[in-house]
Amino acid sequence: MYSNLTPFKTIALAERPQERLDKLGASALSDTELLAMILRNGNKAMDVLQLSSCLISEAGSLQNLLKWTKEDFLKFNGIGKVKSLQLSAIMEISRRTILANVDQQTEFDNPGKVRDYFLPIARGLDVEKFWILCLNRKNKLIRHFEITSGTATSSLVHPREIFKEAIKVSATAIIGVHNHPSGNCQPSKADHTVTKQIKAASDIIDIDFLDHIIISSIPCKESPNNYFSFHENSFI
């Protein structure tokens, strides 16, 4: 499978990742070389470059490695517990950096912007999660919170937990978001129930509930935009 890859020991010293990194900088390295710098070592069957290529190939891309867990990395010979924990930490740092780089001047004034913000978070999840975006008076992001992990039912998504976080950061408005791993963006009966409960609580607490958006990281047949907005469909 990897016969087209040059054995690491036969690569000229000047062309090895560490030497290229030192001479040319990180931007000159390929995805495989960058990952090799983190792995440091291969295994008995593959050198570090081959192992790096194998990991990226299995994930589908370097970006897709962001959703891998410790258990995913441990499946590969040559990656032990310590290295898998290091890789998991690096992936989490990368995810948080991506989110932190969202333009803080962006107004979350349409579902498409919310979808784009959460797709990197929801990509690869096989369970439903419910988040809220806490916004200021100009609908700009203060912070987002994960409220629950599991099917979004009224027993799991309670307005008390939602507005506790919103009040904590002095939000004036919130947007609820949850993912459908199945790829069907249409709301369930439970989704409608949760939405009504949050809306009723928001009216009492006086924090605007702008929308509840269902997203999917895989194509939704019912929605070419890969989301369903309760506000756009006049349910809020």
C-alpha atoms as a PDB file:
ATOM      1  CA  MET A   1       0.000   0.000   0.000  1.00  0.00           C
ATOM      2  CA  TYR A   2       2.888   2.333   0.746  1.00  0.00           C
ATOM      3  CA  SER A   3       5.329   1.045  -1.835  1.00  0.00           C
ATOM      4  CA  ASN A   4       5.300   4.440  -3.564  1.00  0.00           C
ATOM      5  CA  LEU A   5       6.754   6.092  -0.477  1.00  0.00           C
ATOM      6  CA  THR A   6      10.505   6.489  -0.165  1.00  0.00           C
ATOM      7  CA  PRO A   7      11.931   4.746   2.953  1.00  0.00           C
ATOM      8  CA  PHE A   8      12.843   7.401   5.514  1.00  0.00           C
ATOM      9  CA  LYS A   9      16.436   6.221   5.904  1.00  0.00           C
ATOM     10  CA  THR A  10      17.088   6.718   2.196  1.00  0.00           C
ATOM     11  CA  ILE A  11      15.848  10.326   2.162  1.00  0.00           C
ATOM     12  CA  ALA A  12      18.721  12.784   1.885  1.00  0.00           C
ATOM     13  CA  LEU A  13      19.435  14.509   5.192  1.00  0.00           C
ATOM     14  CA  ALA A  14      18.647  17.948   3.750  1.00  0.00           C
ATOM     15  CA  GLU A  15      15.236  16.722   2.595  1.00  0.00           C
ATOM     16  CA  ARG A  16      14.114  15.287   5.926  1.00  0.00           C
ATOM     17  CA  PRO A  17      11.267  17.183   7.676  1.00  0.00           C
ATOM     18  CA  GLN A  18      13.307  18.483  10.597  1.00  0.00           C
ATOM     19  CA  GLU A  19      16.036  19.863   8.331  1.00  0.00           C
ATOM     20  CA  ARG A  20      13.483  21.370   5.937  1.00  0.00           C
ATOM     21  CA  LEU A  21      11.598  22.913   8.857  1.00  0.00           C
ATOM     22  CA  ASP A  22      14.788  24.459  10.215  1.00  0.00           C
ATOM     23  CA  LYS A  23      15.866  25.774   6.822  1.00  0.00           C
ATOM     24  CA  LEU A  24      12.577  26.788   5.177  1.00  0.00           C
ATOM     25  CA  GLY A  25      10.033  27.201   7.976  1.00  0.00           C
ATOM     26  CA  ALA A  26       6.840  25.322   8.777  1.00  0.00           C
ATOM     27  CA  SER A  27       4.904  26.681   5.799  1.00  0.00           C
ATOM     28  CA  ALA A  28       7.223  24.791   3.416  1.00  0.00           C
ATOM     29  CA  LEU A  29       6.330  21.396   4.869  1.00  0.00           C
ATOM     30  CA  SER A  30       3.588  19.145   3.524  1.00  0.00           C
ATOM     31  CA  ASP A  31       0.760  17.922   5.735  1.00  0.00           C
ATOM     32  CA  THR A  32       2.533  14.583   6.061  1.00  0.00           C
ATOM     33  CA  GLU A  33       5.802  16.231   7.086  1.00  0.00           C
ATOM     34  CA  LEU A  34       4.128  18.463   9.662  1.00  0.00           C
ATOM     35  CA  LEU A  35       2.413  15.477  11.270  1.00  0.00           C
ATOM     36  CA  ALA A  36       5.701  13.564  11.189  1.00  0.00           C
ATOM     37  CA  MET A  37       7.317  16.330  13.232  1.00  0.00           C
ATOM     38  CA  ILE A  38       4.725  15.730  15.938  1.00  0.00           C
ATOM     39  CA  LEU A  39       4.852  11.923  15.811  1.00  0.00           C
ATOM     40  CA  ARG A  40       8.681  11.865  15.815  1.00  0.00           C
ATOM     41  CA  ASN A  41       8.817   8.067  15.386  1.00  0.00           C
ATOM     42  CA  GLY A  42       7.222   5.406  13.227  1.00  0.00           C
ATOM     43  CA  ASN A  43       6.936   1.691  13.957  1.00  0.00           C
ATOM     44  CA  LYS A  44       8.608  -1.538  12.826  1.00  0.00           C
ATOM     45  CA  ALA A  45       6.608  -1.639   9.616  1.00  0.00           C
ATOM     46  CA  MET A  46       6.603   2.064   8.706  1.00  0.00           C
ATOM     47  CA  ASP A  47       8.901   5.014   9.199  1.00  0.00           C
ATOM     48  CA  VAL A  48       7.456   8.229  10.621  1.00  0.00           C
ATOM     49  CA  LEU A  49       6.608   9.702   7.199  1.00  0.00           C
ATOM     50  CA  GLN A  50       4.768   6.560   6.156  1.00  0.00           C
ATOM     51  CA  LEU A  51       2.882   6.466   9.449  1.00  0.00           C
ATOM     52  CA  SER A  52       1.934  10.121   9.036  1.00  0.00           C
ATOM     53  CA  SER A  53       0.701   9.459   5.514  1.00  0.00           C
ATOM     54  CA  CYS A  54      -1.289   6.480   6.791  1.00  0.00           C
ATOM     55  CA  LEU A  55      -3.002   8.577   9.482  1.00  0.00           C
ATOM     56  CA  ILE A  56      -3.973  11.337   7.044  1.00  0.00           C
ATOM     57  CA  SER A  57      -5.174   8.790   4.489  1.00  0.00           C
ATOM     58  CA  GLU A  58      -7.331   7.037   7.094  1.00  0.00           C
ATOM     59  CA  ALA A  59      -8.825  10.348   8.281  1.00  0.00           C
ATOM     60  CA  GLY A  60      -9.360  11.584   4.733  1.00  0.00           C
ATOM     61  CA  SER A  61      -7.466  14.832   5.285  1.00  0.00           C
ATOM     62  CA  LEU A  62      -5.349  16.649   7.840  1.00  0.00           C
ATOM     63  CA  GLN A  63      -8.418  18.690   8.809  1.00  0.00           C
ATOM     64  CA  ASN A  64     -10.426  15.542   9.540  1.00  0.00           C
ATOM     65  CA  LEU A  65      -7.861  14.548  12.173  1.00  0.00           C
ATOM     66  CA  LEU A  66      -9.327  17.345  14.300  1.00  0.00           C
ATOM     67  CA  LYS A  67     -12.286  15.136  15.174  1.00  0.00           C
ATOM     68  CA  TRP A  68     -10.152  12.142  16.186  1.00  0.00           C
ATOM     69  CA  THR A  69     -10.058  10.977  19.793  1.00  0.00           C
ATOM     70  CA  LYS A  70      -7.389   9.255  21.814  1.00  0.00           C
ATOM     71  CA  GLU A  71      -8.982   5.918  20.915  1.00  0.00           C
ATOM     72  CA  ASP A  72      -8.699   6.655  17.180  1.00  0.00           C
ATOM     73  CA  PHE A  73      -4.963   7.310  17.435  1.00  0.00           C
ATOM     74  CA  LEU A  74      -4.389   4.241  19.621  1.00  0.00           C
ATOM     75  CA  LYS A  75      -5.563   1.989  16.790  1.00  0.00           C
ATOM     76  CA  PHE A  76      -2.247   2.559  15.032  1.00  0.00           C
ATOM     77  CA  ASN A  77       0.809   0.537  15.883  1.00  0.00           C
ATOM     78  CA  GLY A  78       3.531   2.841  17.124  1.00  0.00           C
ATOM     79  CA  ILE A  79       1.168   5.282  18.831  1.00  0.00           C
ATOM     80  CA  GLY A  80       0.953   4.577  22.543  1.00  0.00           C
ATOM     81  CA  LYS A  81      -1.067   6.143  25.324  1.00  0.00           C
ATOM     82  CA  VAL A  82       1.208   9.152  25.895  1.00  0.00           C
ATOM     83  CA  LYS A  83       1.486   9.987  22.198  1.00  0.00           C
ATOM     84  CA  SER A  84      -2.266   9.549  21.672  1.00  0.00           C
ATOM     85  CA  LEU A  85      -2.947  11.968  24.545  1.00  0.00           C
ATOM     86  CA  GLN A  86      -0.479  14.473  23.082  1.00  0.00           C
ATOM     87  CA  LEU A  87      -2.139  14.239  19.666  1.00  0.00           C
ATOM     88  CA  SER A  88      -5.603  14.620  21.212  1.00  0.00           C
ATOM     89  CA  ALA A  89      -4.428  17.741  23.043  1.00  0.00           C
ATOM     90  CA  ILE A  90      -2.971  19.204  19.847  1.00  0.00           C
ATOM     91  CA  MET A  91      -6.219  18.552  17.977  1.00  0.00           C
ATOM     92  CA  GLU A  92      -8.217  20.261  20.729  1.00  0.00           C
ATOM     93  CA  ILE A  93      -5.877  23.274  20.696  1.00  0.00           C
ATOM     94  CA  SER A  94      -6.363  23.474  16.927  1.00  0.00           C
ATOM     95  CA  ARG A  95     -10.160  23.317  17.247  1.00  0.00           C
ATOM     96  CA  ARG A  96     -10.207  26.051  19.864  1.00  0.00           C
ATOM     97  CA  THR A  97      -7.872  28.212  17.808  1.00  0.00           C
ATOM     98  CA  ILE A  98     -10.145  27.905  14.788  1.00  0.00           C
ATOM     99  CA  LEU A  99     -13.122  29.014  16.870  1.00  0.00           C
ATOM    100  CA  ALA A 100     -11.164  31.827  18.511  1.00  0.00           C
ATOM    101  CA  ASN A 101     -10.284  33.173  15.083  1.00  0.00           C
ATOM    102  CA  VAL A 102     -13.920  33.768  14.206  1.00  0.00           C
ATOM    103  CA  ASP A 103     -14.228  37.475  13.468  1.00  0.00           C
ATOM    104  CA  GLN A 104     -15.509  38.990  16.674  1.00  0.00           C
ATOM    105  CA  GLN A 105     -17.153  41.714  14.582  1.00  0.00           C
ATOM    106  CA  THR A 106     -19.382  39.192  12.813  1.00  0.00           C
ATOM    107  CA  GLU A 107     -23.046  39.744  13.447  1.00  0.00           C
ATOM    108  CA  PHE A 108     -24.891  36.461  13.818  1.00  0.00           C
ATOM    109  CA  ASP A 109     -27.869  37.826  11.962  1.00  0.00           C
ATOM    110  CA  ASN A 110     -28.698  34.869   9.717  1.00  0.00           C
ATOM    111  CA  PRO A 111     -28.713  31.065  10.033  1.00  0.00           C
ATOM    112  CA  GLY A 112     -25.975  30.617   7.440  1.00  0.00           C
ATOM    113  CA  LYS A 113     -23.416  32.351   9.662  1.00  0.00           C
ATOM    114  CA  VAL A 114     -24.426  30.155  12.593  1.00  0.00           C
ATOM    115  CA  ARG A 115     -24.123  27.032  10.435  1.00  0.00           C
ATOM    116  CA  ASP A 116     -20.655  28.051   9.237  1.00  0.00           C
ATOM    117  CA  TYR A 117     -19.520  28.666  12.808  1.00  0.00           C
ATOM    118  CA  PHE A 118     -20.702  25.290  14.115  1.00  0.00           C
ATOM    119  CA  LEU A 119     -19.873  22.969  11.204  1.00  0.00           C
ATOM    120  CA  PRO A 120     -16.223  22.509  12.327  1.00  0.00           C
ATOM    121  CA  ILE A 121     -17.531  21.650  15.795  1.00  0.00           C
ATOM    122  CA  ALA A 122     -20.255  19.264  14.642  1.00  0.00           C
ATOM    123  CA  ARG A 123     -18.230  17.518  11.931  1.00  0.00           C
ATOM    124  CA  GLY A 124     -17.853  13.821  12.691  1.00  0.00           C
ATOM    125  CA  LEU A 125     -20.081  13.753  15.779  1.00  0.00           C
ATOM    126  CA  ASP A 126     -22.241  10.642  16.062  1.00  0.00           C
ATOM    127  CA  VAL A 127     -24.405  11.984  18.902  1.00  0.00           C
ATOM    128  CA  GLU A 128     -26.609  15.043  19.143  1.00  0.00           C
ATOM    129  CA  LYS A 129     -25.293  18.024  21.061  1.00  0.00           C
ATOM    130  CA  PHE A 130     -27.070  21.237  21.981  1.00  0.00           C
ATOM    131  CA  TRP A 131     -25.219  24.551  22.120  1.00  0.00           C
ATOM    132  CA  ILE A 132     -26.153  28.167  22.634  1.00  0.00           C
ATOM    133  CA  LEU A 133     -24.577  31.256  21.146  1.00  0.00           C
ATOM    134  CA  CYS A 134     -24.580  34.073  23.676  1.00  0.00           C
ATOM    135  CA  LEU A 135     -24.751  37.438  21.916  1.00  0.00           C
ATOM    136  CA  ASN A 136     -24.530  41.112  22.845  1.00  0.00           C
ATOM    137  CA  ARG A 137     -26.921  43.882  21.802  1.00  0.00           C
ATOM    138  CA  LYS A 138     -25.389  43.977  18.315  1.00  0.00           C
ATOM    139  CA  ASN A 139     -25.778  40.197  17.895  1.00  0.00           C
ATOM    140  CA  LYS A 140     -22.022  39.744  18.147  1.00  0.00           C
ATOM    141  CA  LEU A 141     -20.563  36.710  19.833  1.00  0.00           C
ATOM    142  CA  ILE A 142     -19.740  36.796  23.521  1.00  0.00           C
ATOM    143  CA  ARG A 143     -19.257  33.049  23.935  1.00  0.00           C
ATOM    144  CA  HIS A 144     -20.831  29.731  23.020  1.00  0.00           C
ATOM    145  CA  PHE A 145     -21.653  26.950  25.466  1.00  0.00           C
ATOM    146  CA  GLU A 146     -22.334  23.239  25.047  1.00  0.00           C
ATOM    147  CA  ILE A 147     -25.437  22.545  27.114  1.00  0.00           C
ATOM    148  CA  THR A 148     -26.031  18.841  26.570  1.00  0.00           C
ATOM    149  CA  SER A 149     -24.735  15.808  24.701  1.00  0.00           C
ATOM    150  CA  GLY A 150     -27.345  13.276  23.616  1.00  0.00           C
ATOM    151  CA  THR A 151     -30.751  13.459  21.991  1.00  0.00           C
ATOM    152  CA  ALA A 152     -32.170  16.964  22.286  1.00  0.00           C
ATOM    153  CA  THR A 153     -35.292  16.317  24.342  1.00  0.00           C
ATOM    154  CA  SER A 154     -37.044  18.481  26.899  1.00  0.00           C
ATOM    155  CA  SER A 155     -35.609  16.307  29.664  1.00  0.00           C
ATOM    156  CA  LEU A 156     -32.040  16.964  28.504  1.00  0.00           C
ATOM    157  CA  VAL A 157     -32.270  20.564  27.292  1.00  0.00           C
ATOM    158  CA  HIS A 158     -33.720  22.548  30.153  1.00  0.00           C
ATOM    159  CA  PRO A 159     -34.173  26.337  29.893  1.00  0.00           C
ATOM    160  CA  ARG A 160     -32.683  26.673  33.374  1.00  0.00           C
ATOM    161  CA  GLU A 161     -29.297  25.443  32.162  1.00  0.00           C
ATOM    162  CA  ILE A 162     -29.465  27.539  28.998  1.00  0.00           C
ATOM    163  CA  PHE A 163     -30.249  30.836  30.658  1.00  0.00           C
ATOM    164  CA  LYS A 164     -27.894  30.213  33.566  1.00  0.00           C
ATOM    165  CA  GLU A 165     -25.021  30.410  31.076  1.00  0.00           C
ATOM    166  CA  ALA A 166     -26.523  33.363  29.205  1.00  0.00           C
ATOM    167  CA  ILE A 167     -26.971  35.359  32.419  1.00  0.00           C
ATOM    168  CA  LYS A 168     -23.441  34.485  33.510  1.00  0.00           C
ATOM    169  CA  VAL A 169     -21.944  36.301  30.493  1.00  0.00           C
ATOM    170  CA  SER A 170     -24.552  39.117  30.453  1.00  0.00           C
ATOM    171  CA  ALA A 171     -25.944  38.074  27.079  1.00  0.00           C
ATOM    172  CA  THR A 172     -28.879  40.032  25.710  1.00  0.00           C
ATOM    173  CA  ALA A 173     -29.781  37.390  23.130  1.00  0.00           C
ATOM    174  CA  ILE A 174     -29.194  33.706  22.449  1.00  0.00           C
ATOM    175  CA  ILE A 175     -29.411  31.310  19.537  1.00  0.00           C
ATOM    176  CA  GLY A 176     -29.905  27.607  20.176  1.00  0.00           C
ATOM    177  CA  VAL A 177     -28.110  25.142  17.919  1.00  0.00           C
ATOM    178  CA  HIS A 178     -28.065  21.387  17.731  1.00  0.00           C
ATOM    179  CA  ASN A 179     -26.820  18.831  15.245  1.00  0.00           C
ATOM    180  CA  HIS A 180     -28.540  15.908  13.560  1.00  0.00           C
ATOM    181  CA  PRO A 181     -25.812  13.332  12.815  1.00  0.00           C
ATOM    182  CA  SER A 182     -28.219  11.446  10.532  1.00  0.00           C
ATOM    183  CA  GLY A 183     -28.165  14.252   7.973  1.00  0.00           C
ATOM    184  CA  ASN A 184     -31.905  14.910   8.299  1.00  0.00           C
ATOM    185  CA  CYS A 185     -32.248  18.552   9.285  1.00  0.00           C
ATOM    186  CA  GLN A 186     -36.006  18.444   9.782  1.00  0.00           C
ATOM    187  CA  PRO A 187     -37.090  19.027  13.412  1.00  0.00           C
ATOM    188  CA  SER A 188     -38.622  16.264  15.467  1.00  0.00           C
ATOM    189  CA  LYS A 189     -41.586  16.625  17.812  1.00  0.00           C
ATOM    190  CA  ALA A 190     -39.103  16.878  20.694  1.00  0.00           C
ATOM    191  CA  ASP A 191     -37.248  19.680  18.881  1.00  0.00           C
ATOM    192  CA  HIS A 192     -40.483  21.675  18.615  1.00  0.00           C
ATOM    193  CA  THR A 193     -41.210  21.086  22.296  1.00  0.00           C
ATOM    194  CA  VAL A 194     -37.749  22.248  23.370  1.00  0.00           C
ATOM    195  CA  THR A 195     -38.065  25.359  21.203  1.00  0.00           C
ATOM    196  CA  LYS A 196     -41.403  26.327  22.741  1.00  0.00           C
ATOM    197  CA  GLN A 197     -40.018  25.872  26.263  1.00  0.00           C
ATOM    198  CA  ILE A 198     -36.973  28.027  25.575  1.00  0.00           C
ATOM    199  CA  LYS A 199     -39.108  30.733  23.960  1.00  0.00           C
ATOM    200  CA  ALA A 200     -41.474  30.838  26.936  1.00  0.00           C
ATOM    201  CA  ALA A 201     -38.559  31.117  29.365  1.00  0.00           C
ATOM    202  CA  SER A 202     -36.884  33.826  27.292  1.00  0.00           C
ATOM    203  CA  ASP A 203     -40.007  35.988  27.462  1.00  0.00           C
ATOM    204  CA  ILE A 204     -39.956  35.785  31.254  1.00  0.00           C
ATOM    205  CA  ILE A 205     -36.205  36.321  31.685  1.00  0.00           C
ATOM    206  CA  ASP A 206     -36.098  39.055  29.024  1.00  0.00           C
ATOM    207  CA  ILE A 207     -33.236  37.594  27.016  1.00  0.00           C
ATOM    208  CA  ASP A 208     -34.139  37.402  23.337  1.00  0.00           C
ATOM    209  CA  PHE A 209     -34.360  33.902  21.872  1.00  0.00           C
ATOM    210  CA  LEU A 210     -33.534  34.688  18.250  1.00  0.00           C
ATOM    211  CA  ASP A 211     -33.536  31.245  16.696  1.00  0.00           C
ATOM    212  CA  HIS A 212     -33.115  27.509  17.104  1.00  0.00           C
ATOM    213  CA  ILE A 213     -31.073  26.050  14.260  1.00  0.00           C
ATOM    214  CA  ILE A 214     -30.588  22.388  13.376  1.00  0.00           C
ATOM    215  CA  ILE A 215     -27.431  21.669  11.406  1.00  0.00           C
ATOM    216  CA  SER A 216     -25.784  18.662   9.808  1.00  0.00           C
ATOM    217  CA  SER A 217     -22.189  18.178   8.703  1.00  0.00           C
ATOM    218  CA  ILE A 218     -23.370  15.853   5.923  1.00  0.00           C
ATOM    219  CA  PRO A 219     -25.748  16.889   3.107  1.00  0.00           C
ATOM    220  CA  CYS A 220     -29.417  17.260   4.092  1.00  0.00           C
ATOM    221  CA  LYS A 221     -31.763  16.094   1.343  1.00  0.00           C
ATOM    222  CA  GLU A 222     -34.544  18.286   2.730  1.00  0.00           C
ATOM    223  CA  SER A 223     -32.347  21.373   3.048  1.00  0.00           C
ATOM    224  CA  PRO A 224     -29.684  22.265   0.472  1.00  0.00           C
ATOM    225  CA  ASN A 225     -28.194  24.739   2.991  1.00  0.00           C
ATOM    226  CA  ASN A 226     -27.640  21.983   5.579  1.00  0.00           C
ATOM    227  CA  TYR A 227     -29.708  23.667   8.266  1.00  0.00           C
ATOM    228  CA  PHE A 228     -33.246  24.204   9.492  1.00  0.00           C
ATOM    229  CA  SER A 229     -34.116  27.519  11.113  1.00  0.00           C
ATOM    230  CA  PHE A 230     -37.158  27.747  13.387  1.00  0.00           C
ATOM    231  CA  HIS A 231     -37.158  31.509  12.872  1.00  0.00           C
ATOM    232  CA  GLU A 232     -37.086  31.308   9.077  1.00  0.00           C
ATOM    233  CA  ASN A 233     -39.943  28.845   9.207  1.00  0.00           C
ATOM    234  CA  SER A 234     -42.001  31.117  11.510  1.00  0.00           C
ATOM    235  CA  PHE A 235     -41.893  28.846  14.553  1.00  0.00           C
ATOM    236  CA  ILE A 236     -40.233  31.606  16.628  1.00  0.00           C
END
